[in-house]
C-alpha atoms as a PDB file:
ATOM      1  CA  UNK A   1       4.495 -15.685   0.263  1.00  0.00           C
ATOM      2  CA  UNK A   2       5.381 -14.219  -3.157  1.00  0.00           C
ATOM      3  CA  UNK A   3       1.844 -12.544  -3.563  1.00  0.00           C
ATOM      4  CA  UNK A   4       2.288 -10.586  -0.246  1.00  0.00           C
ATOM      5  CA  UNK A   5       4.140  -7.293   0.251  1.00  0.00           C
ATOM      6  CA  UNK A   6       5.168  -6.181   3.727  1.00  0.00           C
ATOM      7  CA  UNK A   7       4.188  -2.516   4.446  1.00  0.00           C
ATOM      8  CA  UNK A   8       6.250  -0.502   6.763  1.00  0.00           C
ATOM      9  CA  UNK A   9       4.734   2.898   7.149  1.00  0.00           C
ATOM     10  CA  UNK A  10       3.436   2.164  10.750  1.00  0.00           C
ATOM     11  CA  UNK A  11       6.924   1.278  11.945  1.00  0.00           C
ATOM     12  CA  UNK A  12       8.247   4.554  10.969  1.00  0.00           C
ATOM     13  CA  UNK A  13       6.811   5.956  14.244  1.00  0.00           C
ATOM     14  CA  UNK A  14       4.557   8.793  13.056  1.00  0.00           C
ATOM     15  CA  UNK A  15       1.013   9.341  11.930  1.00  0.00           C
ATOM     16  CA  UNK A  16      -0.414   6.263  13.664  1.00  0.00           C
ATOM     17  CA  UNK A  17      -1.258   7.170  17.358  1.00  0.00           C
ATOM     18  CA  UNK A  18      -2.480   3.539  18.183  1.00  0.00           C
ATOM     19  CA  UNK A  19       0.587   1.666  16.864  1.00  0.00           C
ATOM     20  CA  UNK A  20       3.391   0.467  19.231  1.00  0.00           C
ATOM     21  CA  UNK A  21       6.493   0.852  17.220  1.00  0.00           C
ATOM     22  CA  UNK A  22       8.490  -1.891  18.899  1.00  0.00           C
ATOM     23  CA  UNK A  23       5.581  -4.331  18.671  1.00  0.00           C
ATOM     24  CA  UNK A  24       5.298  -3.553  14.901  1.00  0.00           C
ATOM     25  CA  UNK A  25       9.159  -4.025  14.619  1.00  0.00           C
ATOM     26  CA  UNK A  26       8.859  -7.515  16.295  1.00  0.00           C
ATOM     27  CA  UNK A  27       5.914  -8.349  13.762  1.00  0.00           C
ATOM     28  CA  UNK A  28       8.048  -7.461  10.703  1.00  0.00           C
ATOM     29  CA  UNK A  29      10.552  -9.980  11.806  1.00  0.00           C
ATOM     30  CA  UNK A  30       7.996 -12.457  12.338  1.00  0.00           C
ATOM     31  CA  UNK A  31       6.476 -12.027   8.845  1.00  0.00           C
ATOM     32  CA  UNK A  32       9.881 -12.415   7.272  1.00  0.00           C
ATOM     33  CA  UNK A  33      10.631 -15.452   9.201  1.00  0.00           C
ATOM     34  CA  UNK A  34       7.495 -16.915   7.670  1.00  0.00           C
ATOM     35  CA  UNK A  35       8.603 -16.311   4.151  1.00  0.00           C
ATOM     36  CA  UNK A  36       7.558 -12.824   3.053  1.00  0.00           C
ATOM     37  CA  UNK A  37      10.087 -11.555   0.447  1.00  0.00           C
ATOM     38  CA  UNK A  38       8.999  -8.134  -0.637  1.00  0.00           C
ATOM     39  CA  UNK A  39       9.145  -5.045   1.604  1.00  0.00           C
ATOM     40  CA  UNK A  40       7.523  -1.651   0.882  1.00  0.00           C
ATOM     41  CA  UNK A  41       8.829   1.596   2.321  1.00  0.00           C
ATOM     42  CA  UNK A  42       9.346   5.251   1.572  1.00  0.00           C
ATOM     43  CA  UNK A  43      11.565   8.204   2.669  1.00  0.00           C
ATOM     44  CA  UNK A  44       8.560   9.996   4.102  1.00  0.00           C
ATOM     45  CA  UNK A  45       7.550   7.113   6.522  1.00  0.00           C
ATOM     46  CA  UNK A  46       8.879   8.520   9.697  1.00  0.00           C
ATOM     47  CA  UNK A  47      11.233  10.889   7.871  1.00  0.00           C
ATOM     48  CA  UNK A  48      13.490   8.127   6.815  1.00  0.00           C
ATOM     49  CA  UNK A  49      13.114   5.940  10.002  1.00  0.00           C
ATOM     50  CA  UNK A  50      11.139   3.264   8.120  1.00  0.00           C
ATOM     51  CA  UNK A  51      13.768   2.828   5.523  1.00  0.00           C
ATOM     52  CA  UNK A  52      16.442   2.505   8.429  1.00  0.00           C
ATOM     53  CA  UNK A  53      14.510  -0.143   9.928  1.00  0.00           C
ATOM     54  CA  UNK A  54      14.159  -1.977   6.773  1.00  0.00           C
ATOM     55  CA  UNK A  55      17.860  -1.692   6.474  1.00  0.00           C
ATOM     56  CA  UNK A  56      18.276  -3.426   9.768  1.00  0.00           C
ATOM     57  CA  UNK A  57      15.893  -6.161   8.554  1.00  0.00           C
ATOM     58  CA  UNK A  58      17.976  -6.803   5.361  1.00  0.00           C
ATOM     59  CA  UNK A  59      21.007  -7.130   7.542  1.00  0.00           C
ATOM     60  CA  UNK A  60      19.463  -9.554   9.849  1.00  0.00           C
ATOM     61  CA  UNK A  61      18.196 -11.667   6.971  1.00  0.00           C
ATOM     62  CA  UNK A  62      21.372 -11.374   5.091  1.00  0.00           C
ATOM     63  CA  UNK A  63      20.861 -15.026   3.859  1.00  0.00           C
ATOM     64  CA  UNK A  64      17.704 -14.054   2.153  1.00  0.00           C
ATOM     65  CA  UNK A  65      17.151 -12.154  -1.065  1.00  0.00           C
ATOM     66  CA  UNK A  66      14.730  -9.655   0.024  1.00  0.00           C
ATOM     67  CA  UNK A  67      13.127  -7.309  -2.428  1.00  0.00           C
ATOM     68  CA  UNK A  68      12.609  -3.610  -1.450  1.00  0.00           C
ATOM     69  CA  UNK A  69      10.192  -1.126  -2.891  1.00  0.00           C
ATOM     70  CA  UNK A  70      10.758   2.598  -2.126  1.00  0.00           C
ATOM     71  CA  UNK A  71       9.360   5.810  -3.542  1.00  0.00           C
ATOM     72  CA  UNK A  72      10.180   9.471  -4.583  1.00  0.00           C
ATOM     73  CA  UNK A  73       8.278  11.991  -2.631  1.00  0.00           C
ATOM     74  CA  UNK A  74       6.305  14.720  -4.513  1.00  0.00           C
ATOM     75  CA  UNK A  75       8.752  17.460  -3.578  1.00  0.00           C
ATOM     76  CA  UNK A  76      11.701  15.578  -5.257  1.00  0.00           C
ATOM     77  CA  UNK A  77      10.355  15.301  -8.843  1.00  0.00           C
ATOM     78  CA  UNK A  78      13.031  17.122 -10.999  1.00  0.00           C
ATOM     79  CA  UNK A  79      15.718  15.099 -12.510  1.00  0.00           C
ATOM     80  CA  UNK A  80      18.342  15.995 -10.051  1.00  0.00           C
ATOM     81  CA  UNK A  81      16.092  15.416  -7.023  1.00  0.00           C
ATOM     82  CA  UNK A  82      14.751  12.022  -8.135  1.00  0.00           C
ATOM     83  CA  UNK A  83      18.434  10.827  -8.295  1.00  0.00           C
ATOM     84  CA  UNK A  84      19.191  12.469  -4.799  1.00  0.00           C
ATOM     85  CA  UNK A  85      15.999  10.817  -3.393  1.00  0.00           C
ATOM     86  CA  UNK A  86      16.808   7.308  -4.412  1.00  0.00           C
ATOM     87  CA  UNK A  87      20.431   7.616  -3.507  1.00  0.00           C
ATOM     88  CA  UNK A  88      19.320   8.725   0.006  1.00  0.00           C
ATOM     89  CA  UNK A  89      16.955   5.851   0.140  1.00  0.00           C
ATOM     90  CA  UNK A  90      19.800   3.383  -0.757  1.00  0.00           C
ATOM     91  CA  UNK A  91      21.947   4.893   1.892  1.00  0.00           C
ATOM     92  CA  UNK A  92      19.391   4.516   4.700  1.00  0.00           C
ATOM     93  CA  UNK A  93      18.571   0.948   3.476  1.00  0.00           C
ATOM     94  CA  UNK A  94      22.345   0.034   3.251  1.00  0.00           C
ATOM     95  CA  UNK A  95      21.925  -1.551  -0.247  1.00  0.00           C
ATOM     96  CA  UNK A  96      23.170  -0.803  -3.759  1.00  0.00           C
ATOM     97  CA  UNK A  97      19.876  -1.264  -5.746  1.00  0.00           C
ATOM     98  CA  UNK A  98      16.100  -1.343  -5.179  1.00  0.00           C
ATOM     99  CA  UNK A  99      13.804  -3.900  -6.581  1.00  0.00           C
ATOM    100  CA  UNK A 100      11.344  -1.156  -7.404  1.00  0.00           C
ATOM    101  CA  UNK A 101      11.251   2.695  -7.426  1.00  0.00           C
ATOM    102  CA  UNK A 102       7.862   4.438  -7.521  1.00  0.00           C
ATOM    103  CA  UNK A 103       6.606   8.043  -7.721  1.00  0.00           C
ATOM    104  CA  UNK A 104       4.753   8.237  -4.448  1.00  0.00           C
ATOM    105  CA  UNK A 105       2.225  11.106  -5.343  1.00  0.00           C
ATOM    106  CA  UNK A 106       2.082  13.299  -8.354  1.00  0.00           C
ATOM    107  CA  UNK A 107       4.070  16.507  -8.455  1.00  0.00           C
ATOM    108  CA  UNK A 108       1.826  19.418  -7.263  1.00  0.00           C
ATOM    109  CA  UNK A 109       0.031  17.499  -4.709  1.00  0.00           C
ATOM    110  CA  UNK A 110       0.400  18.312  -0.818  1.00  0.00           C
ATOM    111  CA  UNK A 111       1.453  21.826  -1.559  1.00  0.00           C
ATOM    112  CA  UNK A 112       4.486  20.799  -3.788  1.00  0.00           C
ATOM    113  CA  UNK A 113       5.701  22.583  -6.906  1.00  0.00           C
ATOM    114  CA  UNK A 114       4.483  21.423 -10.255  1.00  0.00           C
ATOM    115  CA  UNK A 115       6.983  19.462 -12.441  1.00  0.00           C
ATOM    116  CA  UNK A 116       6.306  18.171 -15.923  1.00  0.00           C
ATOM    117  CA  UNK A 117       5.640  14.461 -16.143  1.00  0.00           C
ATOM    118  CA  UNK A 118       8.226  14.197 -18.831  1.00  0.00           C
ATOM    119  CA  UNK A 119      11.026  15.320 -16.579  1.00  0.00           C
ATOM    120  CA  UNK A 120      10.140  13.034 -13.696  1.00  0.00           C
ATOM    121  CA  UNK A 121       9.587   9.938 -16.015  1.00  0.00           C
ATOM    122  CA  UNK A 122      12.988  10.414 -17.691  1.00  0.00           C
ATOM    123  CA  UNK A 123      14.628  10.632 -14.285  1.00  0.00           C
ATOM    124  CA  UNK A 124      12.985   7.283 -13.367  1.00  0.00           C
ATOM    125  CA  UNK A 125      14.248   5.872 -16.551  1.00  0.00           C
ATOM    126  CA  UNK A 126      17.725   7.228 -15.572  1.00  0.00           C
ATOM    127  CA  UNK A 127      17.477   5.508 -12.169  1.00  0.00           C
ATOM    128  CA  UNK A 128      16.776   2.222 -13.820  1.00  0.00           C
ATOM    129  CA  UNK A 129      19.140   2.508 -16.530  1.00  0.00           C
ATOM    130  CA  UNK A 130      22.075   3.393 -14.154  1.00  0.00           C
ATOM    131  CA  UNK A 131      21.159   0.217 -12.054  1.00  0.00           C
ATOM    132  CA  UNK A 132      19.728   2.117  -8.995  1.00  0.00           C
ATOM    133  CA  UNK A 133      16.497   0.129  -9.335  1.00  0.00           C
ATOM    134  CA  UNK A 134      15.437  -2.930 -11.278  1.00  0.00           C
ATOM    135  CA  UNK A 135      11.748  -1.792 -11.890  1.00  0.00           C
ATOM    136  CA  UNK A 136       9.858   1.460 -11.901  1.00  0.00           C
ATOM    137  CA  UNK A 137       6.320   2.694 -11.631  1.00  0.00           C
ATOM    138  CA  UNK A 138       3.947   5.116 -10.151  1.00  0.00           C
ATOM    139  CA  UNK A 139       1.341   5.424  -7.335  1.00  0.00           C
ATOM    140  CA  UNK A 140      -1.939   7.504  -6.925  1.00  0.00           C
ATOM    141  CA  UNK A 141      -1.969   8.965 -10.544  1.00  0.00           C
ATOM    142  CA  UNK A 142      -5.300   9.380 -12.421  1.00  0.00           C
ATOM    143  CA  UNK A 143      -6.169   7.216 -15.289  1.00  0.00           C
ATOM    144  CA  UNK A 144      -5.788  10.189 -17.706  1.00  0.00           C
ATOM    145  CA  UNK A 145      -2.096  10.537 -16.465  1.00  0.00           C
ATOM    146  CA  UNK A 146      -1.453   6.801 -16.564  1.00  0.00           C
ATOM    147  CA  UNK A 147      -2.655   6.912 -20.295  1.00  0.00           C
ATOM    148  CA  UNK A 148      -0.086   9.732 -20.922  1.00  0.00           C
ATOM    149  CA  UNK A 149       2.520   8.102 -19.049  1.00  0.00           C
ATOM    150  CA  UNK A 150       2.011   4.912 -20.989  1.00  0.00           C
ATOM    151  CA  UNK A 151       3.153   6.685 -24.168  1.00  0.00           C
ATOM    152  CA  UNK A 152       6.376   7.910 -22.663  1.00  0.00           C
ATOM    153  CA  UNK A 153       7.846   5.057 -20.484  1.00  0.00           C
ATOM    154  CA  UNK A 154       7.296   1.350 -19.867  1.00  0.00           C
ATOM    155  CA  UNK A 155       5.947   0.937 -16.238  1.00  0.00           C
ATOM    156  CA  UNK A 156       6.441  -2.247 -14.283  1.00  0.00           C
ATOM    157  CA  UNK A 157       3.908  -1.745 -11.693  1.00  0.00           C
ATOM    158  CA  UNK A 158       1.347   0.609 -10.207  1.00  0.00           C
ATOM    159  CA  UNK A 159       0.361   1.100  -6.463  1.00  0.00           C
ATOM    160  CA  UNK A 160      -3.016   2.423  -5.234  1.00  0.00           C
ATOM    161  CA  UNK A 161      -5.245   2.041  -2.175  1.00  0.00           C
ATOM    162  CA  UNK A 162      -7.423  -0.952  -2.594  1.00  0.00           C
ATOM    163  CA  UNK A 163      -9.535  -3.017  -0.275  1.00  0.00           C
ATOM    164  CA  UNK A 164     -13.147  -4.372   0.060  1.00  0.00           C
ATOM    165  CA  UNK A 165     -14.226  -1.052   1.248  1.00  0.00           C
ATOM    166  CA  UNK A 166     -12.221   1.288  -1.016  1.00  0.00           C
ATOM    167  CA  UNK A 167     -12.405   0.302  -4.756  1.00  0.00           C
ATOM    168  CA  UNK A 168     -11.599   3.448  -6.724  1.00  0.00           C
ATOM    169  CA  UNK A 169      -9.115   1.518  -8.979  1.00  0.00           C
ATOM    170  CA  UNK A 170     -12.012  -0.625 -10.329  1.00  0.00           C
ATOM    171  CA  UNK A 171     -13.224   2.309 -12.382  1.00  0.00           C
ATOM    172  CA  UNK A 172     -10.579   1.885 -15.049  1.00  0.00           C
ATOM    173  CA  UNK A 173      -7.218   1.654 -13.420  1.00  0.00           C
ATOM    174  CA  UNK A 174      -7.285  -2.159 -12.719  1.00  0.00           C
ATOM    175  CA  UNK A 175      -8.321  -2.759 -16.239  1.00  0.00           C
ATOM    176  CA  UNK A 176      -5.547  -0.577 -17.547  1.00  0.00           C
ATOM    177  CA  UNK A 177      -2.959  -2.491 -15.542  1.00  0.00           C
ATOM    178  CA  UNK A 178      -4.361  -5.863 -16.594  1.00  0.00           C
ATOM    179  CA  UNK A 179      -4.507  -5.182 -20.340  1.00  0.00           C
ATOM    180  CA  UNK A 180      -0.876  -4.067 -20.306  1.00  0.00           C
ATOM    181  CA  UNK A 181       0.585  -6.745 -17.884  1.00  0.00           C
ATOM    182  CA  UNK A 182       1.517  -4.212 -15.314  1.00  0.00           C
ATOM    183  CA  UNK A 183       1.590  -5.406 -11.602  1.00  0.00           C
ATOM    184  CA  UNK A 184      -0.999  -3.579  -9.543  1.00  0.00           C
ATOM    185  CA  UNK A 185      -0.140  -3.344  -5.854  1.00  0.00           C
ATOM    186  CA  UNK A 186      -2.760  -2.481  -3.415  1.00  0.00           C
ATOM    187  CA  UNK A 187      -2.022  -0.550  -0.177  1.00  0.00           C
ATOM    188  CA  UNK A 188      -4.421  -0.336   2.804  1.00  0.00           C
ATOM    189  CA  UNK A 189      -5.610  -3.986   2.179  1.00  0.00           C
ATOM    190  CA  UNK A 190      -6.921  -3.884   5.706  1.00  0.00           C
ATOM    191  CA  UNK A 191      -8.722  -0.582   5.096  1.00  0.00           C
ATOM    192  CA  UNK A 192      -6.403   1.364   7.513  1.00  0.00           C
ATOM    193  CA  UNK A 193      -7.315  -1.181  10.314  1.00  0.00           C
ATOM    194  CA  UNK A 194     -11.035  -1.507   9.764  1.00  0.00           C
ATOM    195  CA  UNK A 195     -10.832  -4.953   8.350  1.00  0.00           C
ATOM    196  CA  UNK A 196      -9.047  -6.305  11.358  1.00  0.00           C
ATOM    197  CA  UNK A 197     -10.802  -7.975  14.356  1.00  0.00           C
ATOM    198  CA  UNK A 198     -11.048  -4.814  16.585  1.00  0.00           C
ATOM    199  CA  UNK A 199     -14.596  -4.619  17.454  1.00  0.00           C
ATOM    200  CA  UNK A 200     -14.647  -0.883  17.278  1.00  0.00           C
ATOM    201  CA  UNK A 201     -12.529   1.801  15.312  1.00  0.00           C
ATOM    202  CA  UNK A 202     -11.891   5.407  15.728  1.00  0.00           C
ATOM    203  CA  UNK A 203     -11.125   7.642  18.658  1.00  0.00           C
ATOM    204  CA  UNK A 204      -7.661   8.561  17.390  1.00  0.00           C
ATOM    205  CA  UNK A 205      -5.452  11.303  18.787  1.00  0.00           C
ATOM    206  CA  UNK A 206      -5.382  14.708  16.925  1.00  0.00           C
ATOM    207  CA  UNK A 207      -2.043  13.765  15.082  1.00  0.00           C
ATOM    208  CA  UNK A 208      -3.348  10.535  13.686  1.00  0.00           C
ATOM    209  CA  UNK A 209      -3.659  10.684   9.882  1.00  0.00           C
ATOM    210  CA  UNK A 210      -6.850   8.529  10.051  1.00  0.00           C
ATOM    211  CA  UNK A 211      -8.832  11.491  11.183  1.00  0.00           C
ATOM    212  CA  UNK A 212      -8.586  12.571   7.463  1.00  0.00           C
ATOM    213  CA  UNK A 213      -9.336   9.077   5.899  1.00  0.00           C
ATOM    214  CA  UNK A 214     -12.745   9.038   4.187  1.00  0.00           C
ATOM    215  CA  UNK A 215     -13.668   5.584   5.597  1.00  0.00           C
ATOM    216  CA  UNK A 216     -13.580   7.002   9.173  1.00  0.00           C
ATOM    217  CA  UNK A 217     -16.076   9.920   8.235  1.00  0.00           C
ATOM    218  CA  UNK A 218     -19.066   9.986  10.544  1.00  0.00           C
ATOM    219  CA  UNK A 219     -21.470   9.641   7.625  1.00  0.00           C
ATOM    220  CA  UNK A 220     -19.954   6.292   6.598  1.00  0.00           C
ATOM    221  CA  UNK A 221     -19.634   4.826   9.952  1.00  0.00           C
ATOM    222  CA  UNK A 222     -23.014   3.075  10.529  1.00  0.00           C
ATOM    223  CA  UNK A 223     -22.980   1.456   7.113  1.00  0.00           C
ATOM    224  CA  UNK A 224     -19.497   0.211   7.575  1.00  0.00           C
ATOM    225  CA  UNK A 225     -20.295  -1.206  10.982  1.00  0.00           C
ATOM    226  CA  UNK A 226     -23.301  -3.037   9.529  1.00  0.00           C
ATOM    227  CA  UNK A 227     -21.256  -4.445   6.699  1.00  0.00           C
ATOM    228  CA  UNK A 228     -18.541  -5.604   9.127  1.00  0.00           C
ATOM    229  CA  UNK A 229     -21.252  -7.468  11.121  1.00  0.00           C
ATOM    230  CA  UNK A 230     -22.424  -9.147   7.909  1.00  0.00           C
ATOM    231  CA  UNK A 231     -18.845  -9.947   6.898  1.00  0.00           C
ATOM    232  CA  UNK A 232     -18.167 -11.695  10.216  1.00  0.00           C
ATOM    233  CA  UNK A 233     -21.368 -13.597   9.745  1.00  0.00           C
ATOM    234  CA  UNK A 234     -20.204 -15.184   6.367  1.00  0.00           C
ATOM    235  CA  UNK A 235     -16.792 -16.302   7.605  1.00  0.00           C
ATOM    236  CA  UNK A 236     -16.253 -19.770   8.898  1.00  0.00           C
ATOM    237  CA  UNK A 237     -15.230 -20.160  12.616  1.00  0.00           C
ATOM    238  CA  UNK A 238     -11.764 -19.306  13.197  1.00  0.00           C
ATOM    239  CA  UNK A 239     -11.341 -17.141  10.072  1.00  0.00           C
ATOM    240  CA  UNK A 240     -10.701 -13.464  10.738  1.00  0.00           C
ATOM    241  CA  UNK A 241     -11.506 -10.292   8.723  1.00  0.00           C
ATOM    242  CA  UNK A 242      -7.938  -9.683   7.953  1.00  0.00           C
ATOM    243  CA  UNK A 243      -7.597 -13.115   6.255  1.00  0.00           C
ATOM    244  CA  UNK A 244     -10.843 -12.351   4.283  1.00  0.00           C
ATOM    245  CA  UNK A 245      -9.419  -8.951   3.226  1.00  0.00           C
ATOM    246  CA  UNK A 246      -6.190 -10.336   1.844  1.00  0.00           C
ATOM    247  CA  UNK A 247      -7.778 -13.199   0.030  1.00  0.00           C
ATOM    248  CA  UNK A 248     -10.284 -10.917  -1.611  1.00  0.00           C
ATOM    249  CA  UNK A 249      -7.684  -8.548  -2.809  1.00  0.00           C
ATOM    250  CA  UNK A 250      -5.555 -11.521  -4.285  1.00  0.00           C
ATOM    251  CA  UNK A 251      -8.726 -12.758  -5.895  1.00  0.00           C
ATOM    252  CA  UNK A 252      -8.766  -9.655  -7.979  1.00  0.00           C
ATOM    253  CA  UNK A 253      -5.292 -10.099  -9.307  1.00  0.00           C
ATOM    254  CA  UNK A 254      -3.923  -7.289  -7.002  1.00  0.00           C
ATOM    255  CA  UNK A 255      -0.912  -7.774  -4.792  1.00  0.00           C
ATOM    256  CA  UNK A 256      -1.729  -6.735  -1.283  1.00  0.00           C
ATOM    257  CA  UNK A 257       0.553  -4.472   0.751  1.00  0.00           C
ATOM    258  CA  UNK A 258       0.154  -5.343   4.485  1.00  0.00           C
ATOM    259  CA  UNK A 259       0.995  -2.921   7.220  1.00  0.00           C
ATOM    260  CA  UNK A 260       1.387  -5.529  10.074  1.00  0.00           C
ATOM    261  CA  UNK A 261       2.039  -4.111  13.403  1.00  0.00           C
ATOM    262  CA  UNK A 262       0.696  -6.744  15.923  1.00  0.00           C
ATOM    263  CA  UNK A 263       1.322 -10.545  15.846  1.00  0.00           C
ATOM    264  CA  UNK A 264      -2.448 -11.080  15.539  1.00  0.00           C
ATOM    265  CA  UNK A 265      -2.215  -9.455  11.951  1.00  0.00           C
ATOM    266  CA  UNK A 266      -0.044 -12.235  10.769  1.00  0.00           C
ATOM    267  CA  UNK A 267      -3.229 -14.374  10.573  1.00  0.00           C
ATOM    268  CA  UNK A 268      -3.980 -12.161   7.507  1.00  0.00           C
ATOM    269  CA  UNK A 269      -1.978 -14.459   5.338  1.00  0.00           C
ATOM    270  CA  UNK A 270      -0.812 -17.262   7.504  1.00  0.00           C
ATOM    271  CA  UNK A 271      -4.188 -19.310   7.026  1.00  0.00           C
ATOM    272  CA  UNK A 272      -4.003 -19.157   3.305  1.00  0.00           C
ATOM    273  CA  UNK A 273      -6.289 -18.201   0.502  1.00  0.00           C
ATOM    274  CA  UNK A 274     -10.000 -18.513   1.280  1.00  0.00           C
ATOM    275  CA  UNK A 275     -12.257 -20.237  -1.149  1.00  0.00           C
ATOM    276  CA  UNK A 276     -14.002 -18.470  -3.968  1.00  0.00           C
ATOM    277  CA  UNK A 277     -17.423 -19.336  -2.411  1.00  0.00           C
ATOM    278  CA  UNK A 278     -16.594 -17.405   0.766  1.00  0.00           C
ATOM    279  CA  UNK A 279     -15.273 -14.461  -1.236  1.00  0.00           C
ATOM    280  CA  UNK A 280     -18.273 -14.144  -3.348  1.00  0.00           C
ATOM    281  CA  UNK A 281     -20.466 -14.143  -0.182  1.00  0.00           C
ATOM    282  CA  UNK A 282     -18.233 -11.397   1.179  1.00  0.00           C
ATOM    283  CA  UNK A 283     -18.423  -9.405  -1.900  1.00  0.00           C
ATOM    284  CA  UNK A 284     -22.143  -9.453  -1.832  1.00  0.00           C
ATOM    285  CA  UNK A 285     -22.050  -7.898   1.571  1.00  0.00           C
ATOM    286  CA  UNK A 286     -20.445  -4.722   0.222  1.00  0.00           C
ATOM    287  CA  UNK A 287     -23.383  -2.693  -1.165  1.00  0.00           C
ATOM    288  CA  UNK A 288     -22.999  -1.459  -4.711  1.00  0.00           C
ATOM    289  CA  UNK A 289     -24.450   1.915  -3.464  1.00  0.00           C
ATOM    290  CA  UNK A 290     -21.380   2.309  -1.080  1.00  0.00           C
ATOM    291  CA  UNK A 291     -18.988   1.584  -3.862  1.00  0.00           C
ATOM    292  CA  UNK A 292     -20.802   4.087  -6.127  1.00  0.00           C
ATOM    293  CA  UNK A 293     -20.910   6.641  -3.472  1.00  0.00           C
ATOM    294  CA  UNK A 294     -17.165   6.720  -3.049  1.00  0.00           C
ATOM    295  CA  UNK A 295     -16.885   6.369  -6.727  1.00  0.00           C
ATOM    296  CA  UNK A 296     -13.421   6.582  -8.611  1.00  0.00           C
ATOM    297  CA  UNK A 297     -11.696   8.488  -5.937  1.00  0.00           C
ATOM    298  CA  UNK A 298      -8.193   7.326  -5.586  1.00  0.00           C
ATOM    299  CA  UNK A 299      -7.194   9.055  -2.382  1.00  0.00           C
ATOM    300  CA  UNK A 300      -8.175   7.754   0.940  1.00  0.00           C
ATOM    301  CA  UNK A 301      -7.704  11.264   2.386  1.00  0.00           C
ATOM    302  CA  UNK A 302      -9.918  14.271   2.008  1.00  0.00           C
ATOM    303  CA  UNK A 303     -13.499  15.185   2.216  1.00  0.00           C
ATOM    304  CA  UNK A 304     -16.002  12.346   2.473  1.00  0.00           C
END
């Protein structure tokens, strides 16, 4: 299970109106029981609740060497605040060192103050140099920013939204990572739940973040529904969309992050990697026009 990362945004208890937190909690335990070793979290997931739950998992599996990825939110980008953020994460997790520390979103996004890249990156280097984390990287930065960052620090990994239906990283970022030997992690591998075996999607409450996710926009719904039907048609009997979604991302050299919140989601990786023949058939279903229409956008959120 070394090429799977367990995502924990949903278990934080906010932004997901259709998630049962207790069932999600049990599913995390099951995934770790089945060998997953890496866990992704962040201070903003449930205002620290996700990190606290991950801490409980670490204590329960104390005989295992679980590797934790956490992040620095965009309102904590100065040198002092980066250190404050990672120390707060370590306290909630109950550990002394992260495996990986990432900048969650660029400074200036989500109404936050602007901070120079140089200051934030030096703070990341400080966190690594002082032993607070083994590895460092960034999430959701533009290719132009990555090229600038590459001249300032050595990044170990990058994290972006990536799935069969959302492929903005293919417009330069995946190539950037590959040529430099940087691990590329893909979140929302299951396309925010679209690539699961629910027959319908949508109808969220007003506080659900998916109301603002581009893939749920009305203009895209008919085409996505049609492509889902075609994807199901190319799958062998007994193979689900989630298994396809994970296998496809892995085939691209990207490490999938799975936000599993029901036992059924465990099939996403339990049945193993699908054949290249099936993956090629699936790729043919996703129209080039749809990929081109979404284009190089990197954020799932915003106007369609």
